[in-house]
Amino acid sequence: MVATLGINSSPVIALYIVNLDSESTEIIYKLMRDINRKFSTTFVVITYDKKIAEKADRIVEIKDHIQIEV
């Protein structure tokens, strides 16, 4: 499991993303970036898809109940 984080004083939206095709993943990612830029909104995304996580500003991986900063 990979959690992408960027928590600060901005509004936060939490999402759990799993089993999306690559086109839907890209659409959702672009939408999240647009919302982030326009409204300074932070997204917490929980996903098993490392391709999604790799696009994040910050990645925190949880492995064996231990948080690992990537």
PDB file of N, CA and C in Angstrom:
ATOM      1  N   MET A   1       0.848  -1.177   0.000  1.00  0.00           N
ATOM      2  CA  MET A   1       0.000   0.000   0.000  1.00  0.00           C
ATOM      3  C   MET A   1       0.890   1.235   0.000  1.00  0.00           C
ATOM      4  N   VAL A   2       0.507   2.200  -0.786  1.00  0.00           N
ATOM      5  CA  VAL A   2       1.237   3.456  -0.865  1.00  0.00           C
ATOM      6  C   VAL A   2       0.257   4.583  -0.605  1.00  0.00           C
ATOM      7  N   ALA A   3       0.614   5.493   0.274  1.00  0.00           N
ATOM      8  CA  ALA A   3      -0.216   6.664   0.554  1.00  0.00           C
ATOM      9  C   ALA A   3       0.530   7.897   0.074  1.00  0.00           C
ATOM     10  N   THR A   4      -0.084   8.709  -0.742  1.00  0.00           N
ATOM     11  CA  THR A   4       0.537   9.945  -1.180  1.00  0.00           C
ATOM     12  C   THR A   4      -0.024  11.077  -0.338  1.00  0.00           C
ATOM     13  N   LEU A   5       0.855  11.848   0.226  1.00  0.00           N
ATOM     14  CA  LEU A   5       0.441  12.856   1.191  1.00  0.00           C
ATOM     15  C   LEU A   5       1.002  14.225   0.838  1.00  0.00           C
ATOM     16  N   GLY A   6       0.407  15.247   1.374  1.00  0.00           N
ATOM     17  CA  GLY A   6       0.897  16.604   1.231  1.00  0.00           C
ATOM     18  C   GLY A   6       0.156  17.491   2.198  1.00  0.00           C
ATOM     19  N   ILE A   7       0.015  17.069   3.421  1.00  0.00           N
ATOM     20  CA  ILE A   7      -0.852  17.756   4.379  1.00  0.00           C
ATOM     21  C   ILE A   7      -0.206  19.052   4.864  1.00  0.00           C
ATOM     22  N   ASN A   8      -0.971  20.134   4.807  1.00  0.00           N
ATOM     23  CA  ASN A   8      -0.590  21.416   5.363  1.00  0.00           C
ATOM     24  C   ASN A   8      -1.878  22.102   5.810  1.00  0.00           C
ATOM     25  N   SER A   9      -1.924  23.411   5.779  1.00  0.00           N
ATOM     26  CA  SER A   9      -3.115  24.102   6.281  1.00  0.00           C
ATOM     27  C   SER A   9      -4.227  24.231   5.238  1.00  0.00           C
ATOM     28  N   SER A  10      -4.037  23.701   4.056  1.00  0.00           N
ATOM     29  CA  SER A  10      -5.063  23.794   3.010  1.00  0.00           C
ATOM     30  C   SER A  10      -6.153  22.754   3.231  1.00  0.00           C
ATOM     31  N   PRO A  11      -7.283  22.918   2.540  1.00  0.00           N
ATOM     32  CA  PRO A  11      -8.330  21.892   2.619  1.00  0.00           C
ATOM     33  C   PRO A  11      -7.779  20.536   2.146  1.00  0.00           C
ATOM     34  N   VAL A  12      -8.303  19.465   2.709  1.00  0.00           N
ATOM     35  CA  VAL A  12      -7.805  18.125   2.398  1.00  0.00           C
ATOM     36  C   VAL A  12      -8.935  17.272   1.840  1.00  0.00           C
ATOM     37  N   ILE A  13      -8.641  16.555   0.759  1.00  0.00           N
ATOM     38  CA  ILE A  13      -9.569  15.580   0.189  1.00  0.00           C
ATOM     39  C   ILE A  13      -8.869  14.228   0.226  1.00  0.00           C
ATOM     40  N   ALA A  14      -9.520  13.214   0.784  1.00  0.00           N
ATOM     41  CA  ALA A  14      -8.943  11.874   0.843  1.00  0.00           C
ATOM     42  C   ALA A  14      -9.618  10.988  -0.192  1.00  0.00           C
ATOM     43  N   LEU A  15      -8.803  10.240  -0.936  1.00  0.00           N
ATOM     44  CA  LEU A  15      -9.306   9.343  -1.965  1.00  0.00           C
ATOM     45  C   LEU A  15      -8.665   7.969  -1.823  1.00  0.00           C
ATOM     46  N   TYR A  16      -9.417   6.951  -2.138  1.00  0.00           N
ATOM     47  CA  TYR A  16      -8.891   5.591  -2.239  1.00  0.00           C
ATOM     48  C   TYR A  16      -9.050   5.183  -3.692  1.00  0.00           C
ATOM     49  N   ILE A  17      -7.924   5.004  -4.383  1.00  0.00           N
ATOM     50  CA  ILE A  17      -7.965   4.706  -5.813  1.00  0.00           C
ATOM     51  C   ILE A  17      -7.424   3.304  -6.046  1.00  0.00           C
ATOM     52  N   VAL A  18      -8.244   2.471  -6.703  1.00  0.00           N
ATOM     53  CA  VAL A  18      -7.832   1.097  -6.980  1.00  0.00           C
ATOM     54  C   VAL A  18      -8.521   0.608  -8.252  1.00  0.00           C
ATOM     55  N   ASN A  19      -7.845  -0.254  -8.988  1.00  0.00           N
ATOM     56  CA  ASN A  19      -8.396  -0.940 -10.159  1.00  0.00           C
ATOM     57  C   ASN A  19      -8.943  -0.023 -11.246  1.00  0.00           C
ATOM     58  N   LEU A  20      -8.215   1.032 -11.567  1.00  0.00           N
ATOM     59  CA  LEU A  20      -8.611   1.901 -12.668  1.00  0.00           C
ATOM     60  C   LEU A  20      -7.754   1.594 -13.888  1.00  0.00           C
ATOM     61  N   ASP A  21      -8.338   1.751 -15.065  1.00  0.00           N
ATOM     62  CA  ASP A  21      -7.523   1.611 -16.267  1.00  0.00           C
ATOM     63  C   ASP A  21      -6.636   2.841 -16.386  1.00  0.00           C
ATOM     64  N   SER A  22      -5.615   2.769 -17.220  1.00  0.00           N
ATOM     65  CA  SER A  22      -4.624   3.841 -17.300  1.00  0.00           C
ATOM     66  C   SER A  22      -5.228   5.168 -17.766  1.00  0.00           C
ATOM     67  N   GLU A  23      -6.205   5.125 -18.652  1.00  0.00           N
ATOM     68  CA  GLU A  23      -6.835   6.360 -19.121  1.00  0.00           C
ATOM     69  C   GLU A  23      -7.605   7.051 -17.988  1.00  0.00           C
ATOM     70  N   SER A  24      -8.369   6.287 -17.224  1.00  0.00           N
ATOM     71  CA  SER A  24      -9.121   6.857 -16.094  1.00  0.00           C
ATOM     72  C   SER A  24      -8.179   7.387 -15.026  1.00  0.00           C
ATOM     73  N   THR A  25      -7.087   6.671 -14.791  1.00  0.00           N
ATOM     74  CA  THR A  25      -6.092   7.114 -13.813  1.00  0.00           C
ATOM     75  C   THR A  25      -5.532   8.472 -14.203  1.00  0.00           C
ATOM     76  N   GLU A  26      -5.191   8.647 -15.460  1.00  0.00           N
ATOM     77  CA  GLU A  26      -4.629   9.903 -15.943  1.00  0.00           C
ATOM     78  C   GLU A  26      -5.640  11.035 -15.840  1.00  0.00           C
ATOM     79  N   ILE A  27      -6.893  10.765 -16.155  1.00  0.00           N
ATOM     80  CA  ILE A  27      -7.947  11.777 -16.049  1.00  0.00           C
ATOM     81  C   ILE A  27      -8.108  12.237 -14.599  1.00  0.00           C
ATOM     82  N   ILE A  28      -8.171  11.290 -13.681  1.00  0.00           N
ATOM     83  CA  ILE A  28      -8.324  11.621 -12.261  1.00  0.00           C
ATOM     84  C   ILE A  28      -7.120  12.394 -11.754  1.00  0.00           C
ATOM     85  N   TYR A  29      -5.921  11.954 -12.158  1.00  0.00           N
ATOM     86  CA  TYR A  29      -4.715  12.647 -11.722  1.00  0.00           C
ATOM     87  C   TYR A  29      -4.715  14.101 -12.204  1.00  0.00           C
ATOM     88  N   LYS A  30      -5.034  14.335 -13.464  1.00  0.00           N
ATOM     89  CA  LYS A  30      -5.066  15.703 -13.999  1.00  0.00           C
ATOM     90  C   LYS A  30      -6.110  16.552 -13.284  1.00  0.00           C
ATOM     91  N   LEU A  31      -7.261  15.972 -12.997  1.00  0.00           N
ATOM     92  CA  LEU A  31      -8.302  16.678 -12.251  1.00  0.00           C
ATOM     93  C   LEU A  31      -7.810  17.058 -10.853  1.00  0.00           C
ATOM     94  N   MET A  32      -7.146  16.132 -10.177  1.00  0.00           N
ATOM     95  CA  MET A  32      -6.607  16.421  -8.843  1.00  0.00           C
ATOM     96  C   MET A  32      -5.579  17.543  -8.894  1.00  0.00           C
ATOM     97  N   ARG A  33      -4.689  17.523  -9.893  1.00  0.00           N
ATOM     98  CA  ARG A  33      -3.680  18.580 -10.032  1.00  0.00           C
ATOM     99  C   ARG A  33      -4.343  19.932 -10.298  1.00  0.00           C
ATOM    100  N   ASP A  34      -5.350  19.951 -11.151  1.00  0.00           N
ATOM    101  CA  ASP A  34      -6.056  21.205 -11.426  1.00  0.00           C
ATOM    102  C   ASP A  34      -6.702  21.764 -10.165  1.00  0.00           C
ATOM    103  N   ILE A  35      -7.383  20.912  -9.416  1.00  0.00           N
ATOM    104  CA  ILE A  35      -8.022  21.347  -8.169  1.00  0.00           C
ATOM    105  C   ILE A  35      -6.964  21.821  -7.183  1.00  0.00           C
ATOM    106  N   ASN A  36      -5.860  21.096  -7.105  1.00  0.00           N
ATOM    107  CA  ASN A  36      -4.766  21.472  -6.205  1.00  0.00           C
ATOM    108  C   ASN A  36      -4.241  22.864  -6.536  1.00  0.00           C
ATOM    109  N   ARG A  37      -4.013  23.127  -7.793  1.00  0.00           N
ATOM    110  CA  ARG A  37      -3.453  24.423  -8.202  1.00  0.00           C
ATOM    111  C   ARG A  37      -4.448  25.566  -8.039  1.00  0.00           C
ATOM    112  N   LYS A  38      -5.707  25.332  -8.386  1.00  0.00           N
ATOM    113  CA  LYS A  38      -6.708  26.392  -8.332  1.00  0.00           C
ATOM    114  C   LYS A  38      -7.135  26.740  -6.911  1.00  0.00           C
ATOM    115  N   PHE A  39      -7.235  25.723  -6.051  1.00  0.00           N
ATOM    116  CA  PHE A  39      -7.807  25.930  -4.726  1.00  0.00           C
ATOM    117  C   PHE A  39      -6.858  25.604  -3.578  1.00  0.00           C
ATOM    118  N   SER A  40      -5.604  25.313  -3.877  1.00  0.00           N
ATOM    119  CA  SER A  40      -4.614  24.930  -2.859  1.00  0.00           C
ATOM    120  C   SER A  40      -5.127  23.792  -1.988  1.00  0.00           C
ATOM    121  N   THR A  41      -5.771  22.839  -2.618  1.00  0.00           N
ATOM    122  CA  THR A  41      -6.334  21.702  -1.911  1.00  0.00           C
ATOM    123  C   THR A  41      -5.301  20.582  -1.844  1.00  0.00           C
ATOM    124  N   THR A  42      -5.182  19.972  -0.692  1.00  0.00           N
ATOM    125  CA  THR A  42      -4.289  18.838  -0.503  1.00  0.00           C
ATOM    126  C   THR A  42      -5.067  17.549  -0.713  1.00  0.00           C
ATOM    127  N   PHE A  43      -4.460  16.622  -1.398  1.00  0.00           N
ATOM    128  CA  PHE A  43      -5.063  15.306  -1.600  1.00  0.00           C
ATOM    129  C   PHE A  43      -4.263  14.260  -0.843  1.00  0.00           C
ATOM    130  N   VAL A  44      -4.972  13.411  -0.138  1.00  0.00           N
ATOM    131  CA  VAL A  44      -4.384  12.217   0.460  1.00  0.00           C
ATOM    132  C   VAL A  44      -4.934  11.064  -0.362  1.00  0.00           C
ATOM    133  N   VAL A  45      -4.061  10.398  -1.078  1.00  0.00           N
ATOM    134  CA  VAL A  45      -4.476   9.325  -1.975  1.00  0.00           C
ATOM    135  C   VAL A  45      -3.913   8.009  -1.464  1.00  0.00           C
ATOM    136  N   ILE A  46      -4.784   7.070  -1.242  1.00  0.00           N
ATOM    137  CA  ILE A  46      -4.373   5.738  -0.809  1.00  0.00           C
ATOM    138  C   ILE A  46      -4.545   4.813  -1.996  1.00  0.00           C
ATOM    139  N   THR A  47      -3.451   4.186  -2.405  1.00  0.00           N
ATOM    140  CA  THR A  47      -3.497   3.372  -3.607  1.00  0.00           C
ATOM    141  C   THR A  47      -2.449   2.269  -3.550  1.00  0.00           C
ATOM    142  N   TYR A  48      -2.710   1.221  -4.282  1.00  0.00           N
ATOM    143  CA  TYR A  48      -1.723   0.167  -4.483  1.00  0.00           C
ATOM    144  C   TYR A  48      -0.978   0.393  -5.796  1.00  0.00           C
ATOM    145  N   ASP A  49      -1.403   1.369  -6.577  1.00  0.00           N
ATOM    146  CA  ASP A  49      -0.835   1.643  -7.895  1.00  0.00           C
ATOM    147  C   ASP A  49       0.351   2.594  -7.762  1.00  0.00           C
ATOM    148  N   LYS A  50       1.552   2.076  -7.918  1.00  0.00           N
ATOM    149  CA  LYS A  50       2.745   2.908  -7.758  1.00  0.00           C
ATOM    150  C   LYS A  50       2.864   3.963  -8.850  1.00  0.00           C
ATOM    151  N   LYS A  51       2.226   3.749 -10.008  1.00  0.00           N
ATOM    152  CA  LYS A  51       2.253   4.754 -11.069  1.00  0.00           C
ATOM    153  C   LYS A  51       1.538   6.026 -10.627  1.00  0.00           C
ATOM    154  N   ILE A  52       0.477   5.865  -9.862  1.00  0.00           N
ATOM    155  CA  ILE A  52      -0.224   7.031  -9.313  1.00  0.00           C
ATOM    156  C   ILE A  52       0.656   7.703  -8.263  1.00  0.00           C
ATOM    157  N   ALA A  53       1.199   6.901  -7.375  1.00  0.00           N
ATOM    158  CA  ALA A  53       2.014   7.440  -6.285  1.00  0.00           C
ATOM    159  C   ALA A  53       3.236   8.189  -6.791  1.00  0.00           C
ATOM    160  N   GLU A  54       3.845   7.708  -7.861  1.00  0.00           N
ATOM    161  CA  GLU A  54       5.058   8.333  -8.381  1.00  0.00           C
ATOM    162  C   GLU A  54       4.822   9.767  -8.857  1.00  0.00           C
ATOM    163  N   LYS A  55       3.593  10.128  -9.122  1.00  0.00           N
ATOM    164  CA  LYS A  55       3.282  11.483  -9.576  1.00  0.00           C
ATOM    165  C   LYS A  55       3.087  12.459  -8.416  1.00  0.00           C
ATOM    166  N   ALA A  56       3.068  11.957  -7.216  1.00  0.00           N
ATOM    167  CA  ALA A  56       2.787  12.789  -6.044  1.00  0.00           C
ATOM    168  C   ALA A  56       3.986  13.654  -5.664  1.00  0.00           C
ATOM    169  N   ASP A  57       3.699  14.747  -4.966  1.00  0.00           N
ATOM    170  CA  ASP A  57       4.758  15.607  -4.443  1.00  0.00           C
ATOM    171  C   ASP A  57       5.475  14.946  -3.274  1.00  0.00           C
ATOM    172  N   ARG A  58       4.755  14.120  -2.561  1.00  0.00           N
ATOM    173  CA  ARG A  58       5.313  13.433  -1.390  1.00  0.00           C
ATOM    174  C   ARG A  58       4.723  12.035  -1.329  1.00  0.00           C
ATOM    175  N   ILE A  59       5.554  11.046  -1.022  1.00  0.00           N
ATOM    176  CA  ILE A  59       5.093   9.659  -0.938  1.00  0.00           C
ATOM    177  C   ILE A  59       5.480   9.091   0.420  1.00  0.00           C
ATOM    178  N   VAL A  60       4.498   8.472   1.061  1.00  0.00           N
ATOM    179  CA  VAL A  60       4.743   7.746   2.308  1.00  0.00           C
ATOM    180  C   VAL A  60       4.233   6.333   2.092  1.00  0.00           C
ATOM    181  N   GLU A  61       5.112   5.368   2.254  1.00  0.00           N
ATOM    182  CA  GLU A  61       4.725   3.974   2.078  1.00  0.00           C
ATOM    183  C   GLU A  61       4.541   3.332   3.444  1.00  0.00           C
ATOM    184  N   ILE A  62       3.486   2.544   3.566  1.00  0.00           N
ATOM    185  CA  ILE A  62       3.218   1.803   4.797  1.00  0.00           C
ATOM    186  C   ILE A  62       3.530   0.336   4.506  1.00  0.00           C
ATOM    187  N   LYS A  63       4.478  -0.208   5.240  1.00  0.00           N
ATOM    188  CA  LYS A  63       4.861  -1.604   5.037  1.00  0.00           C
ATOM    189  C   LYS A  63       5.011  -2.261   6.395  1.00  0.00           C
ATOM    190  N   ASP A  64       4.300  -3.351   6.594  1.00  0.00           N
ATOM    191  CA  ASP A  64       4.311  -4.055   7.883  1.00  0.00           C
ATOM    192  C   ASP A  64       3.987  -3.110   9.031  1.00  0.00           C
ATOM    193  N   HIS A  65       3.011  -2.231   8.805  1.00  0.00           N
ATOM    194  CA  HIS A  65       2.525  -1.265   9.799  1.00  0.00           C
ATOM    195  C   HIS A  65       3.570  -0.222  10.181  1.00  0.00           C
ATOM    196  N   ILE A  66       4.579  -0.038   9.331  1.00  0.00           N
ATOM    197  CA  ILE A  66       5.620   0.943   9.595  1.00  0.00           C
ATOM    198  C   ILE A  66       5.626   1.954   8.457  1.00  0.00           C
ATOM    199  N   GLN A  67       5.664   3.238   8.814  1.00  0.00           N
ATOM    200  CA  GLN A  67       5.682   4.306   7.809  1.00  0.00           C
ATOM    201  C   GLN A  67       7.103   4.500   7.300  1.00  0.00           C
ATOM    202  N   ILE A  68       7.256   4.489   5.962  1.00  0.00           N
ATOM    203  CA  ILE A  68       8.548   4.663   5.333  1.00  0.00           C
ATOM    204  C   ILE A  68       8.443   5.850   4.386  1.00  0.00           C
ATOM    205  N   GLU A  69       9.205   6.894   4.625  1.00  0.00           N
ATOM    206  CA  GLU A  69       9.208   8.053   3.722  1.00  0.00           C
ATOM    207  C   GLU A  69      10.001   7.663   2.479  1.00  0.00           C
ATOM    208  N   VAL A  70       9.413   7.883   1.302  1.00  0.00           N
ATOM    209  CA  VAL A  70      10.088   7.500   0.051  1.00  0.00           C
ATOM    210  C   VAL A  70      10.661   8.743  -0.592  1.00  0.00           C
TER     211      VAL A  70
END
